[in-house]
Amino acid sequence: MPELLLILSLLISSSSTENLLPPSKKFFRLTNIEIDELLPKLHDQFPDFQTRLYMLSQLRLGTPYELKALGDGNGFEPNPIFRIDKTNCTAFVLTNIALANAMSYQQAESLMAYLNYYPAPDGKNPISYQNRRHFTSDRLLTSEYFQLITTVMAQPSELDTVRLILNRQSDGSHFLPINWEKEIELPYVPKEFITPQFLKRLPPVCGIGIIQKELFKKGIAVAHEGFLFDGQDFIHASGDTRKVKREDFYRYSRKRKKGSLRPVCDGIVLYLTNEVKLK
């Protein structure tokens, strides 16, 4: 079977994708009206959801990085609940999924209530700092829009498990100022088993979460995330380069942090994303 990226490259090169963006304009500089014009074209040219995720990831390369790109529109973190002009790693994943499902900017924004927040009782607004899914690991374990596949893709001998209490630091205090903590067990693939051969076994499109053991003491299991295409093409919002970038994932997994001997990656979790429908 041909590799996904070859298929996608052929699709993209044979389609008139130039008309998706206004001339000489970057995706992250599009207006809401221009997004409204682009999304129906994207659905027409790429009816497959996974292909749209790939295409959006390509279009969003170079988007500026901001650590607290998303907020709740008001309150403790008043940044927008949805935006395309700036992003961080999780915001990139969530807004890409929203855009891949939506036919308009407003619809993509509305989908964030399902992707980035816990369900609320009927009639209540779920959007608040306290109700946000702050921890990637808990989102992957509990959200109906994400499906962990780590234990499916890896053999038992290729797995380890992190057990910790999310949001509880080693001194007992909370990492985030929310009245919430949760004990979890999260299987992951340690770095030594992340080989080019292992990566070839993965689905052509999947999400990937990065384990950094040094953050366990802060009550954090997954430190970073992005999309992995064809087991090689890692597209993510990088805090180091301050933008969305593409790089070879195996090489990324072997990197060290700038100015430190600490590894960027101690292991990975793998997940699929599901289409989201407005309820």
C-alpha atoms as a PDB file:
ATOM      1  CA  MET A   1       0.000   0.000   0.000  1.00  0.00           C
ATOM      2  CA  PRO A   2       1.417   3.445  -0.889  1.00  0.00           C
ATOM      3  CA  GLU A   3       2.402   5.560   2.064  1.00  0.00           C
ATOM      4  CA  LEU A   4      -0.162   8.115   3.178  1.00  0.00           C
ATOM      5  CA  LEU A   5       2.073  11.116   2.601  1.00  0.00           C
ATOM      6  CA  LEU A   6       2.667  10.051  -0.994  1.00  0.00           C
ATOM      7  CA  ILE A   7      -1.088   9.760  -1.529  1.00  0.00           C
ATOM      8  CA  LEU A   8      -1.710  13.084   0.148  1.00  0.00           C
ATOM      9  CA  SER A   9       1.064  14.755  -1.840  1.00  0.00           C
ATOM     10  CA  LEU A  10      -0.503  13.534  -5.055  1.00  0.00           C
ATOM     11  CA  LEU A  11      -3.931  14.741  -3.933  1.00  0.00           C
ATOM     12  CA  ILE A  12      -2.575  18.135  -2.975  1.00  0.00           C
ATOM     13  CA  SER A  13      -0.456  18.601  -6.089  1.00  0.00           C
ATOM     14  CA  SER A  14      -3.284  17.538  -8.395  1.00  0.00           C
ATOM     15  CA  SER A  15      -5.856  19.785  -6.728  1.00  0.00           C
ATOM     16  CA  SER A  16      -6.068  23.533  -7.143  1.00  0.00           C
ATOM     17  CA  THR A  17      -5.071  24.164  -3.525  1.00  0.00           C
ATOM     18  CA  GLU A  18      -3.696  27.559  -4.443  1.00  0.00           C
ATOM     19  CA  ASN A  19      -7.227  28.941  -4.278  1.00  0.00           C
ATOM     20  CA  LEU A  20      -7.584  27.910  -0.622  1.00  0.00           C
ATOM     21  CA  LEU A  21      -5.565  30.917   0.541  1.00  0.00           C
ATOM     22  CA  PRO A  22      -5.666  34.472  -0.758  1.00  0.00           C
ATOM     23  CA  PRO A  23      -2.509  35.353  -2.723  1.00  0.00           C
ATOM     24  CA  SER A  24       0.591  35.859  -0.551  1.00  0.00           C
ATOM     25  CA  LYS A  25      -1.377  35.438   2.681  1.00  0.00           C
ATOM     26  CA  LYS A  26      -0.528  33.081   5.537  1.00  0.00           C
ATOM     27  CA  PHE A  27      -3.261  31.009   7.174  1.00  0.00           C
ATOM     28  CA  PHE A  28      -2.641  32.578  10.577  1.00  0.00           C
ATOM     29  CA  ARG A  29      -3.347  36.021   9.110  1.00  0.00           C
ATOM     30  CA  LEU A  30      -6.734  35.120   7.622  1.00  0.00           C
ATOM     31  CA  THR A  31      -9.819  37.037   8.750  1.00  0.00           C
ATOM     32  CA  ASN A  32     -12.936  35.296  10.064  1.00  0.00           C
ATOM     33  CA  ILE A  33     -14.642  35.953   6.720  1.00  0.00           C
ATOM     34  CA  GLU A  34     -11.730  34.402   4.825  1.00  0.00           C
ATOM     35  CA  ILE A  35     -11.909  31.325   7.085  1.00  0.00           C
ATOM     36  CA  ASP A  36     -15.637  31.101   6.309  1.00  0.00           C
ATOM     37  CA  GLU A  37     -14.755  31.045   2.602  1.00  0.00           C
ATOM     38  CA  LEU A  38     -11.894  28.560   2.982  1.00  0.00           C
ATOM     39  CA  LEU A  39     -13.480  25.806   5.094  1.00  0.00           C
ATOM     40  CA  PRO A  40     -16.215  24.759   2.612  1.00  0.00           C
ATOM     41  CA  LYS A  41     -13.540  24.586  -0.117  1.00  0.00           C
ATOM     42  CA  LEU A  42     -11.407  22.431   2.149  1.00  0.00           C
ATOM     43  CA  HIS A  43     -14.311  20.018   2.710  1.00  0.00           C
ATOM     44  CA  ASP A  44     -15.025  19.879  -1.038  1.00  0.00           C
ATOM     45  CA  GLN A  45     -11.425  19.185  -2.032  1.00  0.00           C
ATOM     46  CA  PHE A  46     -10.662  16.861   0.884  1.00  0.00           C
ATOM     47  CA  PRO A  47     -13.829  15.048   2.036  1.00  0.00           C
ATOM     48  CA  ASP A  48     -11.822  12.655   4.243  1.00  0.00           C
ATOM     49  CA  PHE A  49     -11.430  13.969   7.809  1.00  0.00           C
ATOM     50  CA  GLN A  50      -7.878  12.682   8.288  1.00  0.00           C
ATOM     51  CA  THR A  51      -6.782  14.260   5.017  1.00  0.00           C
ATOM     52  CA  ARG A  52      -8.212  17.596   6.150  1.00  0.00           C
ATOM     53  CA  LEU A  53      -6.187  17.315   9.370  1.00  0.00           C
ATOM     54  CA  TYR A  54      -3.052  16.815   7.315  1.00  0.00           C
ATOM     55  CA  MET A  55      -3.895  19.675   4.972  1.00  0.00           C
ATOM     56  CA  LEU A  56      -4.644  22.070   7.835  1.00  0.00           C
ATOM     57  CA  SER A  57      -1.413  21.103   9.546  1.00  0.00           C
ATOM     58  CA  GLN A  58       0.453  21.997   6.356  1.00  0.00           C
ATOM     59  CA  LEU A  59      -1.404  25.279   5.926  1.00  0.00           C
ATOM     60  CA  ARG A  60      -0.656  26.308   9.509  1.00  0.00           C
ATOM     61  CA  LEU A  61       3.111  25.864   9.357  1.00  0.00           C
ATOM     62  CA  GLY A  62       4.792  29.019  10.635  1.00  0.00           C
ATOM     63  CA  THR A  63       1.939  30.034  12.970  1.00  0.00           C
ATOM     64  CA  PRO A  64       3.486  32.024  15.875  1.00  0.00           C
ATOM     65  CA  TYR A  65       3.768  30.277  19.238  1.00  0.00           C
ATOM     66  CA  GLU A  66       2.300  31.693  22.447  1.00  0.00           C
ATOM     67  CA  LEU A  67       2.342  29.720  25.688  1.00  0.00           C
ATOM     68  CA  LYS A  68      -1.123  30.828  26.838  1.00  0.00           C
ATOM     69  CA  ALA A  69      -2.676  31.135  23.399  1.00  0.00           C
ATOM     70  CA  LEU A  70      -6.157  30.044  24.486  1.00  0.00           C
ATOM     71  CA  GLY A  71      -8.285  31.101  27.412  1.00  0.00           C
ATOM     72  CA  ASP A  72     -11.952  31.134  28.316  1.00  0.00           C
ATOM     73  CA  GLY A  73     -12.929  34.491  26.832  1.00  0.00           C
ATOM     74  CA  ASN A  74     -13.126  36.092  30.277  1.00  0.00           C
ATOM     75  CA  GLY A  75     -12.271  35.460  33.913  1.00  0.00           C
ATOM     76  CA  PHE A  76      -8.907  34.149  35.098  1.00  0.00           C
ATOM     77  CA  GLU A  77      -7.553  33.608  31.561  1.00  0.00           C
ATOM     78  CA  PRO A  78      -9.484  35.948  29.226  1.00  0.00           C
ATOM     79  CA  ASN A  79      -7.728  34.985  25.975  1.00  0.00           C
ATOM     80  CA  PRO A  80     -10.038  33.716  23.201  1.00  0.00           C
ATOM     81  CA  ILE A  81     -11.364  30.160  23.406  1.00  0.00           C
ATOM     82  CA  PHE A  82     -10.479  29.780  19.708  1.00  0.00           C
ATOM     83  CA  ARG A  83      -7.984  31.552  17.494  1.00  0.00           C
ATOM     84  CA  ILE A  84      -5.707  30.898  14.503  1.00  0.00           C
ATOM     85  CA  ASP A  85      -3.225  33.786  14.764  1.00  0.00           C
ATOM     86  CA  LYS A  86      -1.239  32.238  17.649  1.00  0.00           C
ATOM     87  CA  THR A  87      -1.029  28.784  19.168  1.00  0.00           C
ATOM     88  CA  ASN A  88       0.691  26.399  21.546  1.00  0.00           C
ATOM     89  CA  CYS A  89       1.043  22.634  21.228  1.00  0.00           C
ATOM     90  CA  THR A  90      -2.357  21.648  22.641  1.00  0.00           C
ATOM     91  CA  ALA A  91      -4.127  24.619  21.080  1.00  0.00           C
ATOM     92  CA  PHE A  92      -2.709  23.548  17.706  1.00  0.00           C
ATOM     93  CA  VAL A  93      -4.146  20.051  18.094  1.00  0.00           C
ATOM     94  CA  LEU A  94      -7.555  21.190  19.338  1.00  0.00           C
ATOM     95  CA  THR A  95      -8.076  24.050  16.876  1.00  0.00           C
ATOM     96  CA  ASN A  96      -6.980  21.845  13.979  1.00  0.00           C
ATOM     97  CA  ILE A  97      -9.604  19.269  14.924  1.00  0.00           C
ATOM     98  CA  ALA A  98     -12.218  22.019  15.272  1.00  0.00           C
ATOM     99  CA  LEU A  99     -11.316  23.479  11.871  1.00  0.00           C
ATOM    100  CA  ALA A 100     -11.287  20.058  10.201  1.00  0.00           C
ATOM    101  CA  ASN A 101     -14.862  19.491  11.422  1.00  0.00           C
ATOM    102  CA  ALA A 102     -16.260  22.970  10.828  1.00  0.00           C
ATOM    103  CA  MET A 103     -17.746  24.817   7.870  1.00  0.00           C
ATOM    104  CA  SER A 104     -17.261  28.283   9.394  1.00  0.00           C
ATOM    105  CA  TYR A 105     -15.119  30.154  11.906  1.00  0.00           C
ATOM    106  CA  GLN A 106     -18.053  30.416  14.319  1.00  0.00           C
ATOM    107  CA  GLN A 107     -18.714  26.674  14.115  1.00  0.00           C
ATOM    108  CA  ALA A 108     -15.040  25.891  14.811  1.00  0.00           C
ATOM    109  CA  GLU A 109     -15.183  28.182  17.821  1.00  0.00           C
ATOM    110  CA  SER A 110     -18.339  26.451  19.068  1.00  0.00           C
ATOM    111  CA  LEU A 111     -16.689  23.032  18.803  1.00  0.00           C
ATOM    112  CA  MET A 112     -14.075  24.070  21.361  1.00  0.00           C
ATOM    113  CA  ALA A 113     -16.725  23.734  24.082  1.00  0.00           C
ATOM    114  CA  TYR A 114     -16.685  19.978  23.391  1.00  0.00           C
ATOM    115  CA  LEU A 115     -12.963  19.559  22.746  1.00  0.00           C
ATOM    116  CA  ASN A 116     -11.418  21.659  25.516  1.00  0.00           C
ATOM    117  CA  TYR A 117     -13.953  21.437  28.362  1.00  0.00           C
ATOM    118  CA  TYR A 118     -15.681  18.819  30.482  1.00  0.00           C
ATOM    119  CA  PRO A 119     -19.395  18.280  29.814  1.00  0.00           C
ATOM    120  CA  ALA A 120     -21.724  20.532  31.795  1.00  0.00           C
ATOM    121  CA  PRO A 121     -25.309  19.897  32.914  1.00  0.00           C
ATOM    122  CA  ASP A 122     -27.950  20.775  30.321  1.00  0.00           C
ATOM    123  CA  GLY A 123     -28.421  24.501  30.019  1.00  0.00           C
ATOM    124  CA  LYS A 124     -25.131  25.380  31.700  1.00  0.00           C
ATOM    125  CA  ASN A 125     -22.158  26.933  29.940  1.00  0.00           C
ATOM    126  CA  PRO A 126     -19.180  24.538  30.113  1.00  0.00           C
ATOM    127  CA  ILE A 127     -16.627  27.250  29.313  1.00  0.00           C
ATOM    128  CA  SER A 128     -14.691  28.289  32.403  1.00  0.00           C
ATOM    129  CA  TYR A 129     -11.144  28.015  33.694  1.00  0.00           C
ATOM    130  CA  GLN A 130     -12.196  25.537  36.391  1.00  0.00           C
ATOM    131  CA  ASN A 131     -13.985  23.300  33.865  1.00  0.00           C
ATOM    132  CA  ARG A 132     -11.272  23.283  31.208  1.00  0.00           C
ATOM    133  CA  ARG A 133      -9.434  20.049  30.374  1.00  0.00           C
ATOM    134  CA  HIS A 134      -6.054  21.416  31.416  1.00  0.00           C
ATOM    135  CA  PHE A 135      -4.176  18.113  31.326  1.00  0.00           C
ATOM    136  CA  THR A 136      -3.632  16.347  28.000  1.00  0.00           C
ATOM    137  CA  SER A 137      -3.425  12.935  29.658  1.00  0.00           C
ATOM    138  CA  ASP A 138      -6.862  13.301  31.266  1.00  0.00           C
ATOM    139  CA  ARG A 139      -8.335  14.555  28.010  1.00  0.00           C
ATOM    140  CA  LEU A 140      -7.024  11.464  26.219  1.00  0.00           C
ATOM    141  CA  LEU A 141      -8.293   9.145  28.960  1.00  0.00           C
ATOM    142  CA  THR A 142     -11.803  10.614  29.272  1.00  0.00           C
ATOM    143  CA  SER A 143     -12.895  12.549  26.168  1.00  0.00           C
ATOM    144  CA  GLU A 144     -15.101  10.811  23.625  1.00  0.00           C
ATOM    145  CA  TYR A 145     -13.314  12.697  20.849  1.00  0.00           C
ATOM    146  CA  PHE A 146      -9.948  11.056  21.527  1.00  0.00           C
ATOM    147  CA  GLN A 147      -8.943   7.403  21.573  1.00  0.00           C
ATOM    148  CA  LEU A 148      -5.709   6.197  23.130  1.00  0.00           C
ATOM    149  CA  ILE A 149      -4.061   3.468  21.046  1.00  0.00           C
ATOM    150  CA  THR A 150      -0.689   3.145  22.808  1.00  0.00           C
ATOM    151  CA  THR A 151      -1.359  -0.359  24.127  1.00  0.00           C
ATOM    152  CA  VAL A 152      -2.716  -1.446  20.741  1.00  0.00           C
ATOM    153  CA  MET A 153       0.330  -0.318  18.779  1.00  0.00           C
ATOM    154  CA  ALA A 154       3.013  -1.481  21.240  1.00  0.00           C
ATOM    155  CA  GLN A 155       3.808  -4.929  22.580  1.00  0.00           C
ATOM    156  CA  PRO A 156       3.611  -5.381  26.386  1.00  0.00           C
ATOM    157  CA  SER A 157       7.415  -5.580  26.478  1.00  0.00           C
ATOM    158  CA  GLU A 158       7.568  -2.143  24.812  1.00  0.00           C
ATOM    159  CA  LEU A 159       5.449  -0.416  27.459  1.00  0.00           C
ATOM    160  CA  ASP A 160       5.924   1.292  30.787  1.00  0.00           C
ATOM    161  CA  THR A 161       3.284   3.022  32.931  1.00  0.00           C
ATOM    162  CA  VAL A 162       3.322   6.356  34.702  1.00  0.00           C
ATOM    163  CA  ARG A 163       1.243   6.499  37.878  1.00  0.00           C
ATOM    164  CA  LEU A 164       0.703   9.897  39.409  1.00  0.00           C
ATOM    165  CA  ILE A 165      -1.851  12.377  40.682  1.00  0.00           C
ATOM    166  CA  LEU A 166      -2.473  15.056  38.089  1.00  0.00           C
ATOM    167  CA  ASN A 167      -2.032  18.624  39.339  1.00  0.00           C
ATOM    168  CA  ARG A 168      -0.438  17.481  42.628  1.00  0.00           C
ATOM    169  CA  GLN A 169       3.196  18.503  42.932  1.00  0.00           C
ATOM    170  CA  SER A 170       5.794  16.638  44.963  1.00  0.00           C
ATOM    171  CA  ASP A 171       5.322  19.074  47.870  1.00  0.00           C
ATOM    172  CA  GLY A 172       1.565  18.438  47.902  1.00  0.00           C
ATOM    173  CA  SER A 173       0.568  21.785  46.368  1.00  0.00           C
ATOM    174  CA  HIS A 174      -1.395  22.179  43.160  1.00  0.00           C
ATOM    175  CA  PHE A 175       0.423  23.025  39.938  1.00  0.00           C
ATOM    176  CA  LEU A 176      -2.604  24.940  38.602  1.00  0.00           C
ATOM    177  CA  PRO A 177      -4.896  27.074  40.791  1.00  0.00           C
ATOM    178  CA  ILE A 178      -7.905  24.788  40.420  1.00  0.00           C
ATOM    179  CA  ASN A 179      -9.662  22.659  43.007  1.00  0.00           C
ATOM    180  CA  TRP A 180      -8.979  19.487  41.056  1.00  0.00           C
ATOM    181  CA  GLU A 181      -6.596  16.550  41.084  1.00  0.00           C
ATOM    182  CA  LYS A 182      -6.890  13.035  39.727  1.00  0.00           C
ATOM    183  CA  GLU A 183      -4.961   9.805  40.104  1.00  0.00           C
ATOM    184  CA  ILE A 184      -4.138   8.205  36.760  1.00  0.00           C
ATOM    185  CA  GLU A 185      -2.259   5.296  35.243  1.00  0.00           C
ATOM    186  CA  LEU A 186      -1.021   5.999  31.725  1.00  0.00           C
ATOM    187  CA  PRO A 187       0.833   3.397  29.638  1.00  0.00           C
ATOM    188  CA  TYR A 188       3.508   4.827  27.362  1.00  0.00           C
ATOM    189  CA  VAL A 189       6.284   3.686  25.044  1.00  0.00           C
ATOM    190  CA  PRO A 190       9.705   4.518  26.545  1.00  0.00           C
ATOM    191  CA  LYS A 191      12.260   6.227  24.360  1.00  0.00           C
ATOM    192  CA  GLU A 192      14.408   3.133  23.869  1.00  0.00           C
ATOM    193  CA  PHE A 193      11.572   1.428  21.989  1.00  0.00           C
ATOM    194  CA  ILE A 194      10.913   4.389  19.681  1.00  0.00           C
ATOM    195  CA  THR A 195      12.735   3.176  16.592  1.00  0.00           C
ATOM    196  CA  PRO A 196      12.139   3.831  12.875  1.00  0.00           C
ATOM    197  CA  GLN A 197      10.762   0.282  12.677  1.00  0.00           C
ATOM    198  CA  PHE A 198       8.305   0.923  15.521  1.00  0.00           C
ATOM    199  CA  LEU A 199       7.150   4.208  13.960  1.00  0.00           C
ATOM    200  CA  LYS A 200       6.375   2.422  10.686  1.00  0.00           C
ATOM    201  CA  ARG A 201       3.783   0.341  12.553  1.00  0.00           C
ATOM    202  CA  LEU A 202       1.724   3.376  13.493  1.00  0.00           C
ATOM    203  CA  PRO A 203      -1.450   4.565  11.734  1.00  0.00           C
ATOM    204  CA  PRO A 204      -0.856   7.012   8.864  1.00  0.00           C
ATOM    205  CA  VAL A 205      -2.473   9.795  10.921  1.00  0.00           C
ATOM    206  CA  CYS A 206      -2.342   9.933  14.704  1.00  0.00           C
ATOM    207  CA  GLY A 207      -1.827  12.242  17.619  1.00  0.00           C
ATOM    208  CA  ILE A 208       1.287  11.855  19.703  1.00  0.00           C
ATOM    209  CA  GLY A 209       1.917  12.984  23.274  1.00  0.00           C
ATOM    210  CA  ILE A 210       5.427  13.448  24.643  1.00  0.00           C
ATOM    211  CA  ILE A 211       6.375  12.127  28.073  1.00  0.00           C
ATOM    212  CA  GLN A 212       8.972  14.085  30.062  1.00  0.00           C
ATOM    213  CA  LYS A 213       9.761  12.370  33.353  1.00  0.00           C
ATOM    214  CA  GLU A 214      11.073  15.555  34.934  1.00  0.00           C
ATOM    215  CA  LEU A 215       7.498  16.909  34.974  1.00  0.00           C
ATOM    216  CA  PHE A 216       6.061  13.991  36.946  1.00  0.00           C
ATOM    217  CA  LYS A 217       6.992  15.858  40.146  1.00  0.00           C
ATOM    218  CA  LYS A 218       4.708  18.698  39.015  1.00  0.00           C
ATOM    219  CA  GLY A 219       1.753  16.368  38.505  1.00  0.00           C
ATOM    220  CA  ILE A 220       2.060  16.420  34.721  1.00  0.00           C
ATOM    221  CA  ALA A 221       2.167  13.234  32.635  1.00  0.00           C
ATOM    222  CA  VAL A 222       2.159  14.554  29.047  1.00  0.00           C
ATOM    223  CA  ALA A 223       4.391  17.544  28.418  1.00  0.00           C
ATOM    224  CA  HIS A 224       3.866  18.186  24.699  1.00  0.00           C
ATOM    225  CA  GLU A 225       1.787  16.975  21.749  1.00  0.00           C
ATOM    226  CA  GLY A 226       1.280  17.249  18.020  1.00  0.00           C
ATOM    227  CA  PHE A 227       0.307  15.276  14.928  1.00  0.00           C
ATOM    228  CA  LEU A 228       2.327  12.440  13.426  1.00  0.00           C
ATOM    229  CA  PHE A 229       1.835  11.611   9.757  1.00  0.00           C
ATOM    230  CA  ASP A 230       3.080   8.367   8.208  1.00  0.00           C
ATOM    231  CA  GLY A 231       5.163   7.621  11.291  1.00  0.00           C
ATOM    232  CA  GLN A 232       7.645  10.306  10.341  1.00  0.00           C
ATOM    233  CA  ASP A 233       6.270  13.781   9.737  1.00  0.00           C
ATOM    234  CA  PHE A 234       5.826  15.456  13.156  1.00  0.00           C
ATOM    235  CA  ILE A 235       3.927  18.750  12.916  1.00  0.00           C
ATOM    236  CA  HIS A 236       3.663  20.639  16.186  1.00  0.00           C
ATOM    237  CA  ALA A 237       3.791  24.064  17.800  1.00  0.00           C
ATOM    238  CA  SER A 238       7.347  24.326  19.076  1.00  0.00           C
ATOM    239  CA  GLY A 239       8.209  26.460  22.090  1.00  0.00           C
ATOM    240  CA  ASP A 240      11.864  26.408  21.026  1.00  0.00           C
ATOM    241  CA  THR A 241      11.395  27.841  17.536  1.00  0.00           C
ATOM    242  CA  ARG A 242       8.278  29.818  18.588  1.00  0.00           C
ATOM    243  CA  LYS A 243       6.198  28.588  15.646  1.00  0.00           C
ATOM    244  CA  VAL A 244       4.436  25.586  14.140  1.00  0.00           C
ATOM    245  CA  LYS A 245       7.038  23.442  12.424  1.00  0.00           C
ATOM    246  CA  ARG A 246       7.532  20.096  10.724  1.00  0.00           C
ATOM    247  CA  GLU A 247      10.376  17.726  11.580  1.00  0.00           C
ATOM    248  CA  ASP A 248      11.333  14.070  11.464  1.00  0.00           C
ATOM    249  CA  PHE A 249       9.916  12.510  14.613  1.00  0.00           C
ATOM    250  CA  TYR A 250      12.645   9.944  15.217  1.00  0.00           C
ATOM    251  CA  ARG A 251      15.257  12.695  15.132  1.00  0.00           C
ATOM    252  CA  TYR A 252      13.075  14.850  17.380  1.00  0.00           C
ATOM    253  CA  SER A 253      12.819  12.019  19.937  1.00  0.00           C
ATOM    254  CA  ARG A 254      16.621  11.991  20.224  1.00  0.00           C
ATOM    255  CA  LYS A 255      17.048  15.717  20.837  1.00  0.00           C
ATOM    256  CA  ARG A 256      18.177  17.357  24.046  1.00  0.00           C
ATOM    257  CA  LYS A 257      16.685  20.514  25.503  1.00  0.00           C
ATOM    258  CA  LYS A 258      18.473  23.718  24.645  1.00  0.00           C
ATOM    259  CA  GLY A 259      21.172  24.496  27.189  1.00  0.00           C
ATOM    260  CA  SER A 260      20.548  21.195  28.987  1.00  0.00           C
ATOM    261  CA  LEU A 261      21.419  17.514  28.808  1.00  0.00           C
ATOM    262  CA  ARG A 262      17.821  16.603  29.572  1.00  0.00           C
ATOM    263  CA  PRO A 263      16.005  14.745  26.779  1.00  0.00           C
ATOM    264  CA  VAL A 264      13.119  16.341  24.930  1.00  0.00           C
ATOM    265  CA  CYS A 265      11.340  12.988  24.930  1.00  0.00           C
ATOM    266  CA  ASP A 266      11.352  10.169  27.490  1.00  0.00           C
ATOM    267  CA  GLY A 267       8.491   8.335  25.827  1.00  0.00           C
ATOM    268  CA  ILE A 268       5.244   8.698  23.889  1.00  0.00           C
ATOM    269  CA  VAL A 269       1.524   8.049  24.041  1.00  0.00           C
ATOM    270  CA  LEU A 270      -0.471   7.589  20.847  1.00  0.00           C
ATOM    271  CA  TYR A 271      -4.039   8.532  20.062  1.00  0.00           C
ATOM    272  CA  LEU A 272      -6.630   8.890  17.328  1.00  0.00           C
ATOM    273  CA  THR A 273      -9.040  11.796  16.936  1.00  0.00           C
ATOM    274  CA  ASN A 274     -12.737  11.429  16.223  1.00  0.00           C
ATOM    275  CA  GLU A 275     -14.982  13.696  14.230  1.00  0.00           C
ATOM    276  CA  VAL A 276     -17.014  16.106  16.347  1.00  0.00           C
ATOM    277  CA  LYS A 277     -20.653  16.962  15.734  1.00  0.00           C
ATOM    278  CA  LEU A 278     -22.447  19.911  17.278  1.00  0.00           C
ATOM    279  CA  LYS A 279     -25.101  18.605  19.659  1.00  0.00           C
END
